[in-house]
Amino acid sequence: MIVAIGSKNPAKVHAVQTTLIHERLQFVTVSAESNVSSQPFSDEETILGARNRALNSFKKLNSLNLAFGLEGGVVETSIANDL
């Protein structure tokens, strides 16, 4: 099974590979666009970026069985105001 990781970021690649370490998979890293801002500032934008990375991985490599898209984001919470 060929699995794409829609990022070249070493931390993101390692996270996916470590999670699936016991599976017999071939991993391929893909420079996949998130199509969101370089620093997402909401859960919605972060989720959309991750989804786009997975979908764009499939568009680049049509031989994939599975694709992961990971996106880091920042969200302001009310808890921080109490610190």
C-alpha atoms as a PDB file:
ATOM      1  CA  MET A   1       0.000   0.000   0.000  1.00  0.00           C
ATOM      2  CA  ILE A   2       1.320   3.422  -0.921  1.00  0.00           C
ATOM      3  CA  VAL A   3       0.639   6.177   1.589  1.00  0.00           C
ATOM      4  CA  ALA A   4       1.299   9.849   0.888  1.00  0.00           C
ATOM      5  CA  ILE A   5       2.161  12.359   3.559  1.00  0.00           C
ATOM      6  CA  GLY A   6       1.171  15.749   2.207  1.00  0.00           C
ATOM      7  CA  SER A   7       4.193  17.507   3.651  1.00  0.00           C
ATOM      8  CA  LYS A   8       7.975  17.525   3.545  1.00  0.00           C
ATOM      9  CA  ASN A   9       8.073  18.807   7.146  1.00  0.00           C
ATOM     10  CA  PRO A  10      10.181  16.255   9.104  1.00  0.00           C
ATOM     11  CA  ALA A  11       8.025  16.513  12.255  1.00  0.00           C
ATOM     12  CA  LYS A  12       4.813  15.826  10.323  1.00  0.00           C
ATOM     13  CA  VAL A  13       6.385  12.968   8.349  1.00  0.00           C
ATOM     14  CA  HIS A  14       7.751  11.396  11.529  1.00  0.00           C
ATOM     15  CA  ALA A  15       4.352  11.687  13.263  1.00  0.00           C
ATOM     16  CA  VAL A  16       2.603   9.702  10.535  1.00  0.00           C
ATOM     17  CA  GLN A  17       5.372   7.108  10.172  1.00  0.00           C
ATOM     18  CA  THR A  18       5.592   6.557  13.940  1.00  0.00           C
ATOM     19  CA  THR A  19       1.827   6.114  14.222  1.00  0.00           C
ATOM     20  CA  LEU A  20       1.838   3.437  11.515  1.00  0.00           C
ATOM     21  CA  ILE A  21       5.219   1.855  12.332  1.00  0.00           C
ATOM     22  CA  HIS A  22       3.825  -1.683  12.575  1.00  0.00           C
ATOM     23  CA  GLU A  23       2.075  -1.562   9.219  1.00  0.00           C
ATOM     24  CA  ARG A  24       3.683  -2.689   5.973  1.00  0.00           C
ATOM     25  CA  LEU A  25       3.383   0.547   4.042  1.00  0.00           C
ATOM     26  CA  GLN A  26       5.402   2.484   1.507  1.00  0.00           C
ATOM     27  CA  PHE A  27       5.513   6.164   2.462  1.00  0.00           C
ATOM     28  CA  VAL A  28       5.903   8.958  -0.066  1.00  0.00           C
ATOM     29  CA  THR A  29       6.278  12.591   0.953  1.00  0.00           C
ATOM     30  CA  VAL A  30       4.569  15.128  -1.272  1.00  0.00           C
ATOM     31  CA  SER A  31       4.901  18.906  -1.418  1.00  0.00           C
ATOM     32  CA  ALA A  32       1.160  19.440  -1.279  1.00  0.00           C
ATOM     33  CA  GLU A  33      -0.385  22.888  -1.032  1.00  0.00           C
ATOM     34  CA  SER A  34      -2.710  23.610   1.875  1.00  0.00           C
ATOM     35  CA  ASN A  35      -4.426  26.472   0.021  1.00  0.00           C
ATOM     36  CA  VAL A  36      -4.843  28.363   3.311  1.00  0.00           C
ATOM     37  CA  SER A  37      -2.751  31.116   4.912  1.00  0.00           C
ATOM     38  CA  SER A  38       0.788  30.241   5.980  1.00  0.00           C
ATOM     39  CA  GLN A  39      -0.370  30.378   9.631  1.00  0.00           C
ATOM     40  CA  PRO A  40      -4.012  29.336  10.042  1.00  0.00           C
ATOM     41  CA  PHE A  41      -5.762  31.161  12.896  1.00  0.00           C
ATOM     42  CA  SER A  42      -8.895  29.051  13.368  1.00  0.00           C
ATOM     43  CA  ASP A  43      -9.854  25.413  13.689  1.00  0.00           C
ATOM     44  CA  GLU A  44     -11.820  25.663  10.449  1.00  0.00           C
ATOM     45  CA  GLU A  45      -8.860  26.991   8.453  1.00  0.00           C
ATOM     46  CA  THR A  46      -6.496  24.423   9.992  1.00  0.00           C
ATOM     47  CA  ILE A  47      -8.824  21.525   9.170  1.00  0.00           C
ATOM     48  CA  LEU A  48      -9.356  22.844   5.646  1.00  0.00           C
ATOM     49  CA  GLY A  49      -5.582  23.086   5.155  1.00  0.00           C
ATOM     50  CA  ALA A  50      -5.073  19.485   6.278  1.00  0.00           C
ATOM     51  CA  ARG A  51      -7.882  18.280   4.031  1.00  0.00           C
ATOM     52  CA  ASN A  52      -6.456  20.178   1.074  1.00  0.00           C
ATOM     53  CA  ARG A  53      -2.984  18.695   1.611  1.00  0.00           C
ATOM     54  CA  ALA A  54      -4.419  15.162   1.502  1.00  0.00           C
ATOM     55  CA  LEU A  55      -6.539  15.875  -1.582  1.00  0.00           C
ATOM     56  CA  ASN A  56      -3.679  17.632  -3.372  1.00  0.00           C
ATOM     57  CA  SER A  57      -1.437  14.634  -2.664  1.00  0.00           C
ATOM     58  CA  PHE A  58      -3.903  12.417  -4.533  1.00  0.00           C
ATOM     59  CA  LYS A  59      -3.942  14.879  -7.439  1.00  0.00           C
ATOM     60  CA  LYS A  60      -0.139  14.796  -7.715  1.00  0.00           C
ATOM     61  CA  LEU A  61       0.258  11.011  -7.417  1.00  0.00           C
ATOM     62  CA  ASN A  62      -2.608   8.946  -8.791  1.00  0.00           C
ATOM     63  CA  SER A  63      -1.126   5.636  -7.600  1.00  0.00           C
ATOM     64  CA  LEU A  64      -1.859   6.321  -3.922  1.00  0.00           C
ATOM     65  CA  ASN A  65      -4.007   4.191  -1.676  1.00  0.00           C
ATOM     66  CA  LEU A  66      -4.150   6.658   1.219  1.00  0.00           C
ATOM     67  CA  ALA A  67      -3.046  10.231   1.897  1.00  0.00           C
ATOM     68  CA  PHE A  68      -2.506  12.181   5.093  1.00  0.00           C
ATOM     69  CA  GLY A  69      -2.682  15.940   5.314  1.00  0.00           C
ATOM     70  CA  LEU A  70      -1.355  17.634   8.427  1.00  0.00           C
ATOM     71  CA  GLU A  71      -1.682  21.349   9.155  1.00  0.00           C
ATOM     72  CA  GLY A  72      -0.610  23.324  12.210  1.00  0.00           C
ATOM     73  CA  GLY A  73      -2.757  26.212  13.365  1.00  0.00           C
ATOM     74  CA  VAL A  74      -3.262  28.697  16.156  1.00  0.00           C
ATOM     75  CA  VAL A  75      -6.526  29.252  18.000  1.00  0.00           C
ATOM     76  CA  GLU A  76      -7.168  31.893  20.646  1.00  0.00           C
ATOM     77  CA  THR A  77      -9.076  30.645  23.688  1.00  0.00           C
ATOM     78  CA  SER A  78     -10.633  32.350  26.668  1.00  0.00           C
ATOM     79  CA  ILE A  79      -8.515  30.230  29.030  1.00  0.00           C
ATOM     80  CA  ALA A  80      -5.385  32.219  28.128  1.00  0.00           C
ATOM     81  CA  ASN A  81      -7.048  35.400  29.397  1.00  0.00           C
ATOM     82  CA  ASP A  82      -7.157  33.954  32.942  1.00  0.00           C
ATOM     83  CA  LEU A  83      -3.415  33.304  33.167  1.00  0.00           C
END
